[in-house]
């Protein structure tokens, strides 16, 4: 299996072709992942950063950062605009329903409290926290935050998000000589970071239920 991966890696197209195809693809996938939160966009950015790290172009990493942050911002703004239409509509919309289904009631309550306390700065933290973006966005929608104000807060959030996951990719790519090895390491680390909070919540809920049962 490893030999096959190495063979594919050696047969990759030249850098110019990779960039001509890779940057538009990265933009589309990140924008789609921001609009429909099912694509692991963080892993995409980390993988693209690994590939860019091994390229000779001095601006490859900068292009990845610009493309990823711009695509994330576009996806967020479009999703928020669609959510606003649902809030204003008497019957709501499927986009608002999709956002609501992905936000647990307790996470939404926490997001609303943080939004009241910190204002738009909570958008930056929500982008960096796994599964934190949707509850905060829904809290902004229910709080009737104007689109322009949301967009202003979302700009630094997307920049910080792109920089964080690009750094993960750079670290993964620096540890291994082959790009595919760095990609595997970066994706594994990204998925570990994204899934750790959910695993922790499940373990804490199970441990709490167990102690509660024992106490009864």
C-alpha atoms as a PDB file:
ATOM      1  CA  UNK A   1       0.000   0.000   0.000  1.00  0.00           C
ATOM      2  CA  UNK A   2       2.783   2.438   0.895  1.00  0.00           C
ATOM      3  CA  UNK A   3       4.632   1.603  -2.319  1.00  0.00           C
ATOM      4  CA  UNK A   4       1.505   2.399  -4.323  1.00  0.00           C
ATOM      5  CA  UNK A   5       1.113   5.786  -2.588  1.00  0.00           C
ATOM      6  CA  UNK A   6       4.750   6.600  -3.267  1.00  0.00           C
ATOM      7  CA  UNK A   7       4.329   5.694  -6.932  1.00  0.00           C
ATOM      8  CA  UNK A   8       1.298   7.972  -7.241  1.00  0.00           C
ATOM      9  CA  UNK A   9       3.181  10.779  -5.489  1.00  0.00           C
ATOM     10  CA  UNK A  10       6.063  10.530  -7.977  1.00  0.00           C
ATOM     11  CA  UNK A  11       3.623  10.711 -10.895  1.00  0.00           C
ATOM     12  CA  UNK A  12       1.942  13.919  -9.748  1.00  0.00           C
ATOM     13  CA  UNK A  13       1.602  16.676 -12.387  1.00  0.00           C
ATOM     14  CA  UNK A  14       3.987  19.661 -12.336  1.00  0.00           C
ATOM     15  CA  UNK A  15       3.515  22.493  -9.865  1.00  0.00           C
ATOM     16  CA  UNK A  16       1.880  24.822 -12.370  1.00  0.00           C
ATOM     17  CA  UNK A  17      -0.809  22.239 -13.091  1.00  0.00           C
ATOM     18  CA  UNK A  18      -1.280  21.485  -9.394  1.00  0.00           C
ATOM     19  CA  UNK A  19      -1.779  25.175  -8.653  1.00  0.00           C
ATOM     20  CA  UNK A  20      -4.119  25.768 -11.604  1.00  0.00           C
ATOM     21  CA  UNK A  21      -6.347  22.926 -10.431  1.00  0.00           C
ATOM     22  CA  UNK A  22      -5.668  22.926  -6.707  1.00  0.00           C
ATOM     23  CA  UNK A  23      -6.501  26.532  -5.749  1.00  0.00           C
ATOM     24  CA  UNK A  24      -9.938  26.665  -7.450  1.00  0.00           C
ATOM     25  CA  UNK A  25     -10.736  23.213  -6.039  1.00  0.00           C
ATOM     26  CA  UNK A  26      -9.710  24.297  -2.555  1.00  0.00           C
ATOM     27  CA  UNK A  27     -11.848  27.417  -2.854  1.00  0.00           C
ATOM     28  CA  UNK A  28     -14.925  25.496  -3.991  1.00  0.00           C
ATOM     29  CA  UNK A  29     -14.595  22.775  -1.346  1.00  0.00           C
ATOM     30  CA  UNK A  30     -14.003  25.185   1.536  1.00  0.00           C
ATOM     31  CA  UNK A  31     -16.875  27.432   0.436  1.00  0.00           C
ATOM     32  CA  UNK A  32     -19.129  24.391   0.090  1.00  0.00           C
ATOM     33  CA  UNK A  33     -18.003  23.069   3.466  1.00  0.00           C
ATOM     34  CA  UNK A  34     -18.809  26.424   5.078  1.00  0.00           C
ATOM     35  CA  UNK A  35     -22.197  26.561   3.396  1.00  0.00           C
ATOM     36  CA  UNK A  36     -23.084  22.899   4.021  1.00  0.00           C
ATOM     37  CA  UNK A  37     -21.200  21.902   7.191  1.00  0.00           C
ATOM     38  CA  UNK A  38     -20.402  18.298   6.287  1.00  0.00           C
ATOM     39  CA  UNK A  39     -17.066  18.705   4.500  1.00  0.00           C
ATOM     40  CA  UNK A  40     -13.985  18.639   6.819  1.00  0.00           C
ATOM     41  CA  UNK A  41     -12.678  21.997   5.621  1.00  0.00           C
ATOM     42  CA  UNK A  42      -9.929  22.162   8.246  1.00  0.00           C
ATOM     43  CA  UNK A  43      -8.394  18.962   6.899  1.00  0.00           C
ATOM     44  CA  UNK A  44      -8.559  20.379   3.370  1.00  0.00           C
ATOM     45  CA  UNK A  45      -6.637  23.494   4.373  1.00  0.00           C
ATOM     46  CA  UNK A  46      -4.035  21.477   6.297  1.00  0.00           C
ATOM     47  CA  UNK A  47      -3.537  19.131   3.341  1.00  0.00           C
ATOM     48  CA  UNK A  48      -3.201  22.031   0.914  1.00  0.00           C
ATOM     49  CA  UNK A  49      -0.639  23.639   3.227  1.00  0.00           C
ATOM     50  CA  UNK A  50       1.447  20.449   3.228  1.00  0.00           C
ATOM     51  CA  UNK A  51       1.474  20.350  -0.570  1.00  0.00           C
ATOM     52  CA  UNK A  52       2.316  24.065  -0.749  1.00  0.00           C
ATOM     53  CA  UNK A  53       5.154  23.612   1.739  1.00  0.00           C
ATOM     54  CA  UNK A  54       6.888  21.188  -0.612  1.00  0.00           C
ATOM     55  CA  UNK A  55       6.495  23.418  -3.674  1.00  0.00           C
ATOM     56  CA  UNK A  56       9.196  25.756  -4.919  1.00  0.00           C
ATOM     57  CA  UNK A  57       6.943  28.798  -5.262  1.00  0.00           C
ATOM     58  CA  UNK A  58       7.602  31.250  -2.388  1.00  0.00           C
ATOM     59  CA  UNK A  59       3.963  32.370  -2.471  1.00  0.00           C
ATOM     60  CA  UNK A  60       2.331  28.927  -2.385  1.00  0.00           C
ATOM     61  CA  UNK A  61       1.515  29.069   1.339  1.00  0.00           C
ATOM     62  CA  UNK A  62       0.255  32.636   1.004  1.00  0.00           C
ATOM     63  CA  UNK A  63      -2.077  31.609  -1.816  1.00  0.00           C
ATOM     64  CA  UNK A  64      -3.456  28.746   0.286  1.00  0.00           C
ATOM     65  CA  UNK A  65      -4.106  31.160   3.154  1.00  0.00           C
ATOM     66  CA  UNK A  66      -5.846  33.728   0.946  1.00  0.00           C
ATOM     67  CA  UNK A  67      -7.938  31.160  -0.928  1.00  0.00           C
ATOM     68  CA  UNK A  68      -9.005  29.293   2.221  1.00  0.00           C
ATOM     69  CA  UNK A  69      -9.920  32.385   4.242  1.00  0.00           C
ATOM     70  CA  UNK A  70     -11.791  33.986   1.314  1.00  0.00           C
ATOM     71  CA  UNK A  71     -13.745  30.795   0.629  1.00  0.00           C
ATOM     72  CA  UNK A  72     -14.627  30.366   4.311  1.00  0.00           C
ATOM     73  CA  UNK A  73     -15.824  33.966   4.501  1.00  0.00           C
ATOM     74  CA  UNK A  74     -17.941  33.604   1.360  1.00  0.00           C
ATOM     75  CA  UNK A  75     -19.526  30.398   2.661  1.00  0.00           C
ATOM     76  CA  UNK A  76     -20.260  31.916   6.074  1.00  0.00           C
ATOM     77  CA  UNK A  77     -21.831  35.053   4.621  1.00  0.00           C
ATOM     78  CA  UNK A  78     -23.983  33.078   2.193  1.00  0.00           C
ATOM     79  CA  UNK A  79     -25.146  30.726   4.942  1.00  0.00           C
ATOM     80  CA  UNK A  80     -25.944  33.650   7.245  1.00  0.00           C
ATOM     81  CA  UNK A  81     -27.844  35.436   4.475  1.00  0.00           C
ATOM     82  CA  UNK A  82     -29.896  32.305   3.800  1.00  0.00           C
ATOM     83  CA  UNK A  83     -30.503  31.931   7.531  1.00  0.00           C
ATOM     84  CA  UNK A  84     -31.707  35.535   7.726  1.00  0.00           C
ATOM     85  CA  UNK A  85     -34.247  34.799   5.020  1.00  0.00           C
ATOM     86  CA  UNK A  86     -35.505  31.921   7.122  1.00  0.00           C
ATOM     87  CA  UNK A  87     -35.777  34.076  10.255  1.00  0.00           C
ATOM     88  CA  UNK A  88     -37.750  36.735   8.382  1.00  0.00           C
ATOM     89  CA  UNK A  89     -39.969  34.235   6.595  1.00  0.00           C
ATOM     90  CA  UNK A  90     -43.187  33.203   8.293  1.00  0.00           C
ATOM     91  CA  UNK A  91     -42.601  29.548   7.457  1.00  0.00           C
ATOM     92  CA  UNK A  92     -38.815  29.630   7.890  1.00  0.00           C
ATOM     93  CA  UNK A  93     -36.499  27.955   5.401  1.00  0.00           C
ATOM     94  CA  UNK A  94     -34.699  24.665   4.977  1.00  0.00           C
ATOM     95  CA  UNK A  95     -31.365  26.415   5.518  1.00  0.00           C
ATOM     96  CA  UNK A  96     -32.455  27.730   8.917  1.00  0.00           C
ATOM     97  CA  UNK A  97     -33.835  24.312   9.811  1.00  0.00           C
ATOM     98  CA  UNK A  98     -30.539  22.700   8.802  1.00  0.00           C
ATOM     99  CA  UNK A  99     -28.593  25.131  10.991  1.00  0.00           C
ATOM    100  CA  UNK A 100     -30.938  24.572  13.927  1.00  0.00           C
ATOM    101  CA  UNK A 101     -30.665  20.789  13.696  1.00  0.00           C
ATOM    102  CA  UNK A 102     -26.880  21.022  13.971  1.00  0.00           C
ATOM    103  CA  UNK A 103     -26.962  23.160  17.129  1.00  0.00           C
ATOM    104  CA  UNK A 104     -27.676  21.323  20.389  1.00  0.00           C
ATOM    105  CA  UNK A 105     -29.929  23.356  22.737  1.00  0.00           C
ATOM    106  CA  UNK A 106     -27.253  23.600  25.438  1.00  0.00           C
ATOM    107  CA  UNK A 107     -24.627  24.732  22.912  1.00  0.00           C
ATOM    108  CA  UNK A 108     -27.053  27.342  21.581  1.00  0.00           C
ATOM    109  CA  UNK A 109     -27.714  28.658  25.077  1.00  0.00           C
ATOM    110  CA  UNK A 110     -23.974  28.934  25.726  1.00  0.00           C
ATOM    111  CA  UNK A 111     -23.464  30.708  22.399  1.00  0.00           C
ATOM    112  CA  UNK A 112     -26.218  33.213  23.152  1.00  0.00           C
ATOM    113  CA  UNK A 113     -24.728  33.941  26.579  1.00  0.00           C
ATOM    114  CA  UNK A 114     -21.242  34.444  25.123  1.00  0.00           C
ATOM    115  CA  UNK A 115     -22.631  36.609  22.338  1.00  0.00           C
ATOM    116  CA  UNK A 116     -24.357  38.860  24.881  1.00  0.00           C
ATOM    117  CA  UNK A 117     -21.170  39.018  26.950  1.00  0.00           C
ATOM    118  CA  UNK A 118     -18.480  39.439  24.289  1.00  0.00           C
ATOM    119  CA  UNK A 119     -20.362  40.638  21.239  1.00  0.00           C
ATOM    120  CA  UNK A 120     -18.999  39.952  17.751  1.00  0.00           C
ATOM    121  CA  UNK A 121     -15.589  38.847  19.050  1.00  0.00           C
ATOM    122  CA  UNK A 122     -17.102  35.472  19.915  1.00  0.00           C
ATOM    123  CA  UNK A 123     -17.191  34.741  16.170  1.00  0.00           C
ATOM    124  CA  UNK A 124     -13.418  34.344  16.169  1.00  0.00           C
ATOM    125  CA  UNK A 125     -13.527  31.768  18.963  1.00  0.00           C
ATOM    126  CA  UNK A 126     -16.450  29.947  17.349  1.00  0.00           C
ATOM    127  CA  UNK A 127     -14.459  29.432  14.149  1.00  0.00           C
ATOM    128  CA  UNK A 128     -11.522  27.958  16.059  1.00  0.00           C
ATOM    129  CA  UNK A 129     -13.584  25.674  18.310  1.00  0.00           C
ATOM    130  CA  UNK A 130     -14.736  22.361  16.776  1.00  0.00           C
ATOM    131  CA  UNK A 131     -18.505  22.447  16.169  1.00  0.00           C
ATOM    132  CA  UNK A 132     -18.633  25.976  17.579  1.00  0.00           C
ATOM    133  CA  UNK A 133     -19.460  27.923  14.425  1.00  0.00           C
ATOM    134  CA  UNK A 134     -23.080  26.831  13.892  1.00  0.00           C
ATOM    135  CA  UNK A 135     -24.405  27.530  17.439  1.00  0.00           C
ATOM    136  CA  UNK A 136     -22.866  31.019  17.397  1.00  0.00           C
ATOM    137  CA  UNK A 137     -24.191  31.725  13.915  1.00  0.00           C
ATOM    138  CA  UNK A 138     -27.666  30.618  14.991  1.00  0.00           C
ATOM    139  CA  UNK A 139     -27.401  32.825  18.083  1.00  0.00           C
ATOM    140  CA  UNK A 140     -26.516  35.761  15.817  1.00  0.00           C
ATOM    141  CA  UNK A 141     -29.514  34.985  13.624  1.00  0.00           C
ATOM    142  CA  UNK A 142     -31.931  34.753  16.548  1.00  0.00           C
ATOM    143  CA  UNK A 143     -30.432  37.955  17.964  1.00  0.00           C
ATOM    144  CA  UNK A 144     -31.187  39.705  14.647  1.00  0.00           C
ATOM    145  CA  UNK A 145     -27.556  40.695  14.085  1.00  0.00           C
ATOM    146  CA  UNK A 146     -27.317  42.597  10.773  1.00  0.00           C
ATOM    147  CA  UNK A 147     -25.457  40.888   7.956  1.00  0.00           C
ATOM    148  CA  UNK A 148     -22.934  43.727   7.724  1.00  0.00           C
ATOM    149  CA  UNK A 149     -22.037  43.429  11.415  1.00  0.00           C
ATOM    150  CA  UNK A 150     -21.765  39.643  11.120  1.00  0.00           C
ATOM    151  CA  UNK A 151     -19.482  40.006   8.101  1.00  0.00           C
ATOM    152  CA  UNK A 152     -17.180  42.408   9.964  1.00  0.00           C
ATOM    153  CA  UNK A 153     -16.810  39.946  12.826  1.00  0.00           C
ATOM    154  CA  UNK A 154     -16.413  37.006  10.473  1.00  0.00           C
ATOM    155  CA  UNK A 155     -13.402  38.443   8.638  1.00  0.00           C
ATOM    156  CA  UNK A 156     -10.907  38.013  11.522  1.00  0.00           C
ATOM    157  CA  UNK A 157     -12.593  34.708  12.395  1.00  0.00           C
ATOM    158  CA  UNK A 158     -11.912  33.268   8.933  1.00  0.00           C
ATOM    159  CA  UNK A 159      -8.361  34.644   8.878  1.00  0.00           C
ATOM    160  CA  UNK A 160      -7.581  33.076  12.267  1.00  0.00           C
ATOM    161  CA  UNK A 161      -9.190  29.785  11.215  1.00  0.00           C
ATOM    162  CA  UNK A 162      -7.223  29.568   7.958  1.00  0.00           C
ATOM    163  CA  UNK A 163      -3.963  30.448   9.742  1.00  0.00           C
ATOM    164  CA  UNK A 164      -4.548  27.827  12.453  1.00  0.00           C
ATOM    165  CA  UNK A 165      -5.224  24.920  10.109  1.00  0.00           C
ATOM    166  CA  UNK A 166      -2.483  26.010   7.759  1.00  0.00           C
ATOM    167  CA  UNK A 167      -0.078  25.930  10.710  1.00  0.00           C
ATOM    168  CA  UNK A 168      -1.213  22.383  11.466  1.00  0.00           C
ATOM    169  CA  UNK A 169      -0.415  21.455   7.873  1.00  0.00           C
ATOM    170  CA  UNK A 170       2.985  23.145   8.027  1.00  0.00           C
ATOM    171  CA  UNK A 171       3.855  21.256  11.199  1.00  0.00           C
ATOM    172  CA  UNK A 172       2.751  17.964   9.672  1.00  0.00           C
ATOM    173  CA  UNK A 173       4.618  18.647   6.444  1.00  0.00           C
ATOM    174  CA  UNK A 174       7.796  19.622   8.286  1.00  0.00           C
ATOM    175  CA  UNK A 175       7.964  16.314  10.129  1.00  0.00           C
ATOM    176  CA  UNK A 176       8.116  14.114   7.028  1.00  0.00           C
ATOM    177  CA  UNK A 177      10.191  14.272   3.844  1.00  0.00           C
ATOM    178  CA  UNK A 178       7.397  13.159   1.505  1.00  0.00           C
ATOM    179  CA  UNK A 179       4.300  15.334   0.896  1.00  0.00           C
ATOM    180  CA  UNK A 180       1.879  12.408   1.178  1.00  0.00           C
ATOM    181  CA  UNK A 181       3.255  11.549   4.605  1.00  0.00           C
ATOM    182  CA  UNK A 182       2.705  15.113   5.763  1.00  0.00           C
ATOM    183  CA  UNK A 183      -0.824  15.081   4.345  1.00  0.00           C
ATOM    184  CA  UNK A 184      -1.681  11.912   6.254  1.00  0.00           C
ATOM    185  CA  UNK A 185      -0.236  13.360   9.458  1.00  0.00           C
ATOM    186  CA  UNK A 186      -2.015  16.702   9.010  1.00  0.00           C
ATOM    187  CA  UNK A 187      -5.377  15.089   8.257  1.00  0.00           C
ATOM    188  CA  UNK A 188      -5.056  12.740  11.236  1.00  0.00           C
ATOM    189  CA  UNK A 189      -4.161  15.617  13.558  1.00  0.00           C
ATOM    190  CA  UNK A 190      -6.986  17.773  12.219  1.00  0.00           C
ATOM    191  CA  UNK A 191      -9.577  15.026  12.640  1.00  0.00           C
ATOM    192  CA  UNK A 192      -8.246  14.313  16.138  1.00  0.00           C
ATOM    193  CA  UNK A 193      -8.624  17.953  17.124  1.00  0.00           C
ATOM    194  CA  UNK A 194     -12.092  18.153  15.595  1.00  0.00           C
ATOM    195  CA  UNK A 195     -13.360  14.952  17.181  1.00  0.00           C
ATOM    196  CA  UNK A 196     -11.792  15.266  20.633  1.00  0.00           C
ATOM    197  CA  UNK A 197     -14.441  17.622  22.100  1.00  0.00           C
ATOM    198  CA  UNK A 198     -17.308  15.363  21.034  1.00  0.00           C
ATOM    199  CA  UNK A 199     -15.599  12.297  22.509  1.00  0.00           C
ATOM    200  CA  UNK A 200     -14.907  14.196  25.728  1.00  0.00           C
ATOM    201  CA  UNK A 201     -18.563  15.279  26.044  1.00  0.00           C
ATOM    202  CA  UNK A 202     -19.748  11.698  25.570  1.00  0.00           C
ATOM    203  CA  UNK A 203     -17.307  10.356  28.139  1.00  0.00           C
ATOM    204  CA  UNK A 204     -18.232  13.088  30.604  1.00  0.00           C
ATOM    205  CA  UNK A 205     -21.946  12.438  30.101  1.00  0.00           C
ATOM    206  CA  UNK A 206     -21.462   8.705  30.574  1.00  0.00           C
ATOM    207  CA  UNK A 207     -19.289   9.227  33.648  1.00  0.00           C
ATOM    208  CA  UNK A 208     -21.828  11.635  35.081  1.00  0.00           C
ATOM    209  CA  UNK A 209     -24.690   9.231  34.470  1.00  0.00           C
ATOM    210  CA  UNK A 210     -22.709   6.456  36.117  1.00  0.00           C
ATOM    211  CA  UNK A 211     -21.943   8.507  39.221  1.00  0.00           C
ATOM    212  CA  UNK A 212     -25.516   9.707  39.398  1.00  0.00           C
ATOM    213  CA  UNK A 213     -26.766   6.135  39.288  1.00  0.00           C
ATOM    214  CA  UNK A 214     -24.333   5.059  41.968  1.00  0.00           C
ATOM    215  CA  UNK A 215     -25.330   7.933  44.209  1.00  0.00           C
ATOM    216  CA  UNK A 216     -29.009   7.033  43.848  1.00  0.00           C
END
